[in-house]
Amino acid sequence: MNRRIMILAMGLILALATGCKEDSEAPSDHTISKNGSMHKPGLYDPENECTGCHGASLRGGGEAPSCYSCHSQKW
């Protein structure tokens, strides 16, 4: 396998392993698509709008993934 294909494959595996939710996997109230992941209205105020499901630290909880799996240390 050439190096370029190997790097692309590793990137795909890493993206899949991070837990970013695709459109079909997100709850129905997540109606705003950003880079292929669905977000709930209020996404620009995550400390007030997202902590109910994603946890106080936005690191996920229950079915909700960590916001950091897609956004790194954005907040």
PDB file of N, CA and C in Angstrom:
ATOM      1  N   MET A   1       0.860  -1.173   0.000  1.00  0.00           N
ATOM      2  CA  MET A   1       0.000   0.000   0.000  1.00  0.00           C
ATOM      3  C   MET A   1       0.904   1.233   0.000  1.00  0.00           C
ATOM      4  N   ASN A   2       0.601   2.185  -0.888  1.00  0.00           N
ATOM      5  CA  ASN A   2       1.502   3.335  -0.906  1.00  0.00           C
ATOM      6  C   ASN A   2       1.235   4.249   0.284  1.00  0.00           C
ATOM      7  N   ARG A   3       2.165   5.098   0.545  1.00  0.00           N
ATOM      8  CA  ARG A   3       2.127   5.936   1.748  1.00  0.00           C
ATOM      9  C   ARG A   3       0.914   6.863   1.791  1.00  0.00           C
ATOM     10  N   ARG A   4       0.523   7.456   0.681  1.00  0.00           N
ATOM     11  CA  ARG A   4      -0.617   8.381   0.644  1.00  0.00           C
ATOM     12  C   ARG A   4      -1.913   7.662   1.039  1.00  0.00           C
ATOM     13  N   ILE A   5      -2.133   6.477   0.496  1.00  0.00           N
ATOM     14  CA  ILE A   5      -3.339   5.714   0.828  1.00  0.00           C
ATOM     15  C   ILE A   5      -3.315   5.322   2.302  1.00  0.00           C
ATOM     16  N   MET A   6      -2.162   4.960   2.802  1.00  0.00           N
ATOM     17  CA  MET A   6      -2.038   4.577   4.196  1.00  0.00           C
ATOM     18  C   MET A   6      -2.364   5.758   5.119  1.00  0.00           C
ATOM     19  N   ILE A   7      -1.893   6.947   4.785  1.00  0.00           N
ATOM     20  CA  ILE A   7      -2.167   8.140   5.591  1.00  0.00           C
ATOM     21  C   ILE A   7      -3.661   8.464   5.555  1.00  0.00           C
ATOM     22  N   LEU A   8      -4.278   8.375   4.385  1.00  0.00           N
ATOM     23  CA  LEU A   8      -5.708   8.627   4.262  1.00  0.00           C
ATOM     24  C   LEU A   8      -6.518   7.614   5.078  1.00  0.00           C
ATOM     25  N   ALA A   9      -6.122   6.366   5.029  1.00  0.00           N
ATOM     26  CA  ALA A   9      -6.818   5.325   5.794  1.00  0.00           C
ATOM     27  C   ALA A   9      -6.696   5.579   7.291  1.00  0.00           C
ATOM     28  N   MET A  10      -5.526   5.971   7.744  1.00  0.00           N
ATOM     29  CA  MET A  10      -5.324   6.261   9.170  1.00  0.00           C
ATOM     30  C   MET A  10      -6.188   7.450   9.596  1.00  0.00           C
ATOM     31  N   GLY A  11      -6.291   8.466   8.751  1.00  0.00           N
ATOM     32  CA  GLY A  11      -7.134   9.618   9.057  1.00  0.00           C
ATOM     33  C   GLY A  11      -8.592   9.230   9.169  1.00  0.00           C
ATOM     34  N   LEU A  12      -9.056   8.372   8.277  1.00  0.00           N
ATOM     35  CA  LEU A  12     -10.440   7.911   8.321  1.00  0.00           C
ATOM     36  C   LEU A  12     -10.703   7.111   9.592  1.00  0.00           C
ATOM     37  N   ILE A  13      -9.804   6.234   9.946  1.00  0.00           N
ATOM     38  CA  ILE A  13      -9.948   5.443  11.164  1.00  0.00           C
ATOM     39  C   ILE A  13      -9.989   6.362  12.379  1.00  0.00           C
ATOM     40  N   LEU A  14      -9.129   7.360  12.428  1.00  0.00           N
ATOM     41  CA  LEU A  14      -9.110   8.292  13.547  1.00  0.00           C
ATOM     42  C   LEU A  14     -10.409   9.081  13.622  1.00  0.00           C
ATOM     43  N   ALA A  15     -10.912   9.543  12.495  1.00  0.00           N
ATOM     44  CA  ALA A  15     -12.175  10.298  12.479  1.00  0.00           C
ATOM     45  C   ALA A  15     -13.330   9.437  12.971  1.00  0.00           C
ATOM     46  N   LEU A  16     -13.368   8.187  12.571  1.00  0.00           N
ATOM     47  CA  LEU A  16     -14.441   7.298  12.999  1.00  0.00           C
ATOM     48  C   LEU A  16     -14.340   6.972  14.483  1.00  0.00           C
ATOM     49  N   ALA A  17     -13.142   6.922  14.997  1.00  0.00           N
ATOM     50  CA  ALA A  17     -12.939   6.558  16.398  1.00  0.00           C
ATOM     51  C   ALA A  17     -13.222   7.707  17.359  1.00  0.00           C
ATOM     52  N   THR A  18     -13.310   8.940  16.872  1.00  0.00           N
ATOM     53  CA  THR A  18     -13.489  10.084  17.764  1.00  0.00           C
ATOM     54  C   THR A  18     -14.900  10.222  18.280  1.00  0.00           C
ATOM     55  N   GLY A  19     -15.876   9.599  17.649  1.00  0.00           N
ATOM     56  CA  GLY A  19     -17.241   9.670  18.136  1.00  0.00           C
ATOM     57  C   GLY A  19     -18.056  10.800  17.551  1.00  0.00           C
ATOM     58  N   CYS A  20     -17.602  11.484  16.517  1.00  0.00           N
ATOM     59  CA  CYS A  20     -18.389  12.542  15.894  1.00  0.00           C
ATOM     60  C   CYS A  20     -19.646  11.925  15.309  1.00  0.00           C
ATOM     61  N   LYS A  21     -20.782  12.481  15.644  1.00  0.00           N
ATOM     62  CA  LYS A  21     -22.061  11.930  15.203  1.00  0.00           C
ATOM     63  C   LYS A  21     -22.403  12.431  13.805  1.00  0.00           C
ATOM     64  N   GLU A  22     -22.767  11.514  12.945  1.00  0.00           N
ATOM     65  CA  GLU A  22     -23.245  11.867  11.617  1.00  0.00           C
ATOM     66  C   GLU A  22     -24.698  12.285  11.705  1.00  0.00           C
ATOM     67  N   ASP A  23     -25.218  12.881  10.633  1.00  0.00           N
ATOM     68  CA  ASP A  23     -26.594  13.377  10.590  1.00  0.00           C
ATOM     69  C   ASP A  23     -27.609  12.355  11.083  1.00  0.00           C
ATOM     70  N   SER A  24     -27.517  11.125  10.653  1.00  0.00           N
ATOM     71  CA  SER A  24     -28.532  10.123  10.972  1.00  0.00           C
ATOM     72  C   SER A  24     -28.459   9.616  12.415  1.00  0.00           C
ATOM     73  N   GLU A  25     -27.373   9.867  13.125  1.00  0.00           N
ATOM     74  CA  GLU A  25     -27.204   9.361  14.481  1.00  0.00           C
ATOM     75  C   GLU A  25     -27.561  10.388  15.557  1.00  0.00           C
ATOM     76  N   ALA A  26     -27.678  11.637  15.200  1.00  0.00           N
ATOM     77  CA  ALA A  26     -27.927  12.689  16.175  1.00  0.00           C
ATOM     78  C   ALA A  26     -29.404  12.743  16.573  1.00  0.00           C
ATOM     79  N   PRO A  27     -29.708  13.232  17.779  1.00  0.00           N
ATOM     80  CA  PRO A  27     -31.103  13.389  18.186  1.00  0.00           C
ATOM     81  C   PRO A  27     -31.852  14.328  17.236  1.00  0.00           C
ATOM     82  N   SER A  28     -33.161  14.192  17.173  1.00  0.00           N
ATOM     83  CA  SER A  28     -33.959  14.955  16.215  1.00  0.00           C
ATOM     84  C   SER A  28     -33.928  16.464  16.469  1.00  0.00           C
ATOM     85  N   ASP A  29     -33.607  16.898  17.700  1.00  0.00           N
ATOM     86  CA  ASP A  29     -33.541  18.340  17.958  1.00  0.00           C
ATOM     87  C   ASP A  29     -32.214  18.960  17.530  1.00  0.00           C
ATOM     88  N   HIS A  30     -31.295  18.150  17.035  1.00  0.00           N
ATOM     89  CA  HIS A  30     -30.032  18.639  16.495  1.00  0.00           C
ATOM     90  C   HIS A  30     -30.247  18.888  15.001  1.00  0.00           C
ATOM     91  N   THR A  31     -30.645  20.103  14.665  1.00  0.00           N
ATOM     92  CA  THR A  31     -31.104  20.435  13.315  1.00  0.00           C
ATOM     93  C   THR A  31     -30.117  21.240  12.486  1.00  0.00           C
ATOM     94  N   ILE A  32     -28.965  21.578  13.048  1.00  0.00           N
ATOM     95  CA  ILE A  32     -27.978  22.395  12.342  1.00  0.00           C
ATOM     96  C   ILE A  32     -26.771  21.536  11.998  1.00  0.00           C
ATOM     97  N   SER A  33     -26.484  21.423  10.715  1.00  0.00           N
ATOM     98  CA  SER A  33     -25.347  20.618  10.266  1.00  0.00           C
ATOM     99  C   SER A  33     -24.092  21.490  10.168  1.00  0.00           C
ATOM    100  N   LYS A  34     -23.032  21.052  10.802  1.00  0.00           N
ATOM    101  CA  LYS A  34     -21.721  21.700  10.724  1.00  0.00           C
ATOM    102  C   LYS A  34     -20.690  20.636  10.405  1.00  0.00           C
ATOM    103  N   ASN A  35     -20.117  20.706   9.230  1.00  0.00           N
ATOM    104  CA  ASN A  35     -19.078  19.770   8.804  1.00  0.00           C
ATOM    105  C   ASN A  35     -19.517  18.314   8.928  1.00  0.00           C
ATOM    106  N   GLY A  36     -20.790  18.043   8.619  1.00  0.00           N
ATOM    107  CA  GLY A  36     -21.290  16.675   8.633  1.00  0.00           C
ATOM    108  C   GLY A  36     -21.779  16.176   9.978  1.00  0.00           C
ATOM    109  N   SER A  37     -21.665  16.992  11.023  1.00  0.00           N
ATOM    110  CA  SER A  37     -22.165  16.624  12.346  1.00  0.00           C
ATOM    111  C   SER A  37     -23.313  17.545  12.712  1.00  0.00           C
ATOM    112  N   MET A  38     -24.344  16.954  13.313  1.00  0.00           N
ATOM    113  CA  MET A  38     -25.529  17.720  13.662  1.00  0.00           C
ATOM    114  C   MET A  38     -25.385  18.348  15.051  1.00  0.00           C
ATOM    115  N   HIS A  39     -25.877  19.584  15.160  1.00  0.00           N
ATOM    116  CA  HIS A  39     -25.824  20.342  16.402  1.00  0.00           C
ATOM    117  C   HIS A  39     -27.206  20.894  16.724  1.00  0.00           C
ATOM    118  N   LYS A  40     -27.430  21.141  17.981  1.00  0.00           N
ATOM    119  CA  LYS A  40     -28.678  21.733  18.453  1.00  0.00           C
ATOM    120  C   LYS A  40     -28.580  23.259  18.334  1.00  0.00           C
ATOM    121  N   PRO A  41     -29.700  23.952  18.100  1.00  0.00           N
ATOM    122  CA  PRO A  41     -29.642  25.420  18.138  1.00  0.00           C
ATOM    123  C   PRO A  41     -29.038  25.864  19.475  1.00  0.00           C
ATOM    124  N   GLY A  42     -28.218  26.874  19.436  1.00  0.00           N
ATOM    125  CA  GLY A  42     -27.497  27.314  20.633  1.00  0.00           C
ATOM    126  C   GLY A  42     -26.080  26.793  20.663  1.00  0.00           C
ATOM    127  N   LEU A  43     -25.641  26.195  19.568  1.00  0.00           N
ATOM    128  CA  LEU A  43     -24.313  25.587  19.523  1.00  0.00           C
ATOM    129  C   LEU A  43     -23.174  26.552  19.784  1.00  0.00           C
ATOM    130  N   TYR A  44     -23.402  27.855  19.599  1.00  0.00           N
ATOM    131  CA  TYR A  44     -22.333  28.823  19.851  1.00  0.00           C
ATOM    132  C   TYR A  44     -22.264  29.263  21.312  1.00  0.00           C
ATOM    133  N   ASP A  45     -23.098  28.679  22.148  1.00  0.00           N
ATOM    134  CA  ASP A  45     -23.089  28.922  23.589  1.00  0.00           C
ATOM    135  C   ASP A  45     -23.144  27.563  24.298  1.00  0.00           C
ATOM    136  N   PRO A  46     -22.140  26.717  24.076  1.00  0.00           N
ATOM    137  CA  PRO A  46     -22.199  25.341  24.570  1.00  0.00           C
ATOM    138  C   PRO A  46     -22.260  25.214  26.089  1.00  0.00           C
ATOM    139  N   GLU A  47     -21.653  26.163  26.829  1.00  0.00           N
ATOM    140  CA  GLU A  47     -21.681  26.056  28.291  1.00  0.00           C
ATOM    141  C   GLU A  47     -23.102  26.165  28.830  1.00  0.00           C
ATOM    142  N   ASN A  48     -23.982  26.860  28.128  1.00  0.00           N
ATOM    143  CA  ASN A  48     -25.369  27.021  28.570  1.00  0.00           C
ATOM    144  C   ASN A  48     -26.337  26.116  27.821  1.00  0.00           C
ATOM    145  N   GLU A  49     -26.038  25.753  26.592  1.00  0.00           N
ATOM    146  CA  GLU A  49     -26.989  25.038  25.757  1.00  0.00           C
ATOM    147  C   GLU A  49     -26.726  23.541  25.603  1.00  0.00           C
ATOM    148  N   CYS A  50     -25.511  23.089  25.865  1.00  0.00           N
ATOM    149  CA  CYS A  50     -25.147  21.699  25.550  1.00  0.00           C
ATOM    150  C   CYS A  50     -24.822  20.844  26.769  1.00  0.00           C
ATOM    151  N   THR A  51     -24.644  21.472  27.917  1.00  0.00           N
ATOM    152  CA  THR A  51     -24.192  20.732  29.097  1.00  0.00           C
ATOM    153  C   THR A  51     -25.232  19.767  29.647  1.00  0.00           C
ATOM    154  N   GLY A  52     -26.516  19.996  29.355  1.00  0.00           N
ATOM    155  CA  GLY A  52     -27.555  19.093  29.848  1.00  0.00           C
ATOM    156  C   GLY A  52     -27.345  17.663  29.385  1.00  0.00           C
ATOM    157  N   CYS A  53     -26.870  17.477  28.181  1.00  0.00           N
ATOM    158  CA  CYS A  53     -26.627  16.127  27.641  1.00  0.00           C
ATOM    159  C   CYS A  53     -25.141  15.772  27.581  1.00  0.00           C
ATOM    160  N   HIS A  54     -24.312  16.754  27.222  1.00  0.00           N
ATOM    161  CA  HIS A  54     -22.889  16.484  27.009  1.00  0.00           C
ATOM    162  C   HIS A  54     -22.058  16.646  28.275  1.00  0.00           C
ATOM    163  N   GLY A  55     -22.697  16.980  29.401  1.00  0.00           N
ATOM    164  CA  GLY A  55     -22.010  17.105  30.682  1.00  0.00           C
ATOM    165  C   GLY A  55     -21.481  18.500  30.933  1.00  0.00           C
ATOM    166  N   ALA A  56     -21.285  18.823  32.204  1.00  0.00           N
ATOM    167  CA  ALA A  56     -20.822  20.153  32.606  1.00  0.00           C
ATOM    168  C   ALA A  56     -19.486  20.519  31.966  1.00  0.00           C
ATOM    169  N   SER A  57     -18.656  19.525  31.748  1.00  0.00           N
ATOM    170  CA  SER A  57     -17.340  19.775  31.144  1.00  0.00           C
ATOM    171  C   SER A  57     -17.359  19.586  29.630  1.00  0.00           C
ATOM    172  N   LEU A  58     -18.540  19.245  29.066  1.00  0.00           N
ATOM    173  CA  LEU A  58     -18.716  18.966  27.632  1.00  0.00           C
ATOM    174  C   LEU A  58     -17.931  17.737  27.190  1.00  0.00           C
ATOM    175  N   ARG A  59     -17.588  16.873  28.122  1.00  0.00           N
ATOM    176  CA  ARG A  59     -16.820  15.668  27.805  1.00  0.00           C
ATOM    177  C   ARG A  59     -17.704  14.444  27.595  1.00  0.00           C
ATOM    178  N   GLY A  60     -19.006  14.668  27.464  1.00  0.00           N
ATOM    179  CA  GLY A  60     -19.919  13.578  27.147  1.00  0.00           C
ATOM    180  C   GLY A  60     -20.525  12.930  28.367  1.00  0.00           C
ATOM    181  N   GLY A  61     -21.569  12.185  28.104  1.00  0.00           N
ATOM    182  CA  GLY A  61     -22.236  11.467  29.165  1.00  0.00           C
ATOM    183  C   GLY A  61     -23.375  10.650  28.580  1.00  0.00           C
ATOM    184  N   GLY A  62     -23.534   9.429  28.996  1.00  0.00           N
ATOM    185  CA  GLY A  62     -24.576   8.568  28.458  1.00  0.00           C
ATOM    186  C   GLY A  62     -24.400   8.379  26.958  1.00  0.00           C
ATOM    187  N   GLU A  63     -25.433   8.688  26.214  1.00  0.00           N
ATOM    188  CA  GLU A  63     -25.393   8.555  24.759  1.00  0.00           C
ATOM    189  C   GLU A  63     -24.670   9.716  24.078  1.00  0.00           C
ATOM    190  N   ALA A  64     -24.562  10.853  24.769  1.00  0.00           N
ATOM    191  CA  ALA A  64     -23.963  12.050  24.176  1.00  0.00           C
ATOM    192  C   ALA A  64     -22.443  11.932  24.163  1.00  0.00           C
ATOM    193  N   PRO A  65     -21.830  12.166  23.006  1.00  0.00           N
ATOM    194  CA  PRO A  65     -20.366  12.085  22.928  1.00  0.00           C
ATOM    195  C   PRO A  65     -19.714  13.326  23.523  1.00  0.00           C
ATOM    196  N   SER A  66     -18.438  13.236  23.748  1.00  0.00           N
ATOM    197  CA  SER A  66     -17.661  14.393  24.172  1.00  0.00           C
ATOM    198  C   SER A  66     -17.615  15.402  23.029  1.00  0.00           C
ATOM    199  N   CYS A  67     -17.854  16.658  23.329  1.00  0.00           N
ATOM    200  CA  CYS A  67     -17.737  17.702  22.309  1.00  0.00           C
ATOM    201  C   CYS A  67     -16.287  17.836  21.843  1.00  0.00           C
ATOM    202  N   TYR A  68     -15.352  17.500  22.739  1.00  0.00           N
ATOM    203  CA  TYR A  68     -13.944  17.609  22.415  1.00  0.00           C
ATOM    204  C   TYR A  68     -13.494  16.584  21.375  1.00  0.00           C
ATOM    205  N   SER A  69     -14.277  15.514  21.179  1.00  0.00           N
ATOM    206  CA  SER A  69     -13.873  14.523  20.192  1.00  0.00           C
ATOM    207  C   SER A  69     -13.891  15.106  18.792  1.00  0.00           C
ATOM    208  N   CYS A  70     -14.700  16.130  18.565  1.00  0.00           N
ATOM    209  CA  CYS A  70     -14.722  16.814  17.273  1.00  0.00           C
ATOM    210  C   CYS A  70     -14.102  18.193  17.331  1.00  0.00           C
ATOM    211  N   HIS A  71     -14.208  18.860  18.469  1.00  0.00           N
ATOM    212  CA  HIS A  71     -13.800  20.259  18.568  1.00  0.00           C
ATOM    213  C   HIS A  71     -12.471  20.475  19.274  1.00  0.00           C
ATOM    214  N   SER A  72     -11.786  19.458  19.674  1.00  0.00           N
ATOM    215  CA  SER A  72     -10.525  19.551  20.417  1.00  0.00           C
ATOM    216  C   SER A  72     -10.705  20.436  21.648  1.00  0.00           C
ATOM    217  N   GLN A  73      -9.844  21.389  21.837  1.00  0.00           N
ATOM    218  CA  GLN A  73      -9.895  22.256  23.022  1.00  0.00           C
ATOM    219  C   GLN A  73     -10.509  23.611  22.689  1.00  0.00           C
ATOM    220  N   LYS A  74     -11.497  23.637  21.798  1.00  0.00           N
ATOM    221  CA  LYS A  74     -12.100  24.887  21.345  1.00  0.00           C
ATOM    222  C   LYS A  74     -12.629  25.724  22.493  1.00  0.00           C
ATOM    223  N   TRP A  75     -13.206  25.115  23.540  1.00  0.00           N
ATOM    224  CA  TRP A  75     -13.796  25.879  24.635  1.00  0.00           C
ATOM    225  C   TRP A  75     -12.802  25.981  25.737  1.00  0.00           C
TER     226      TRP A  75
END
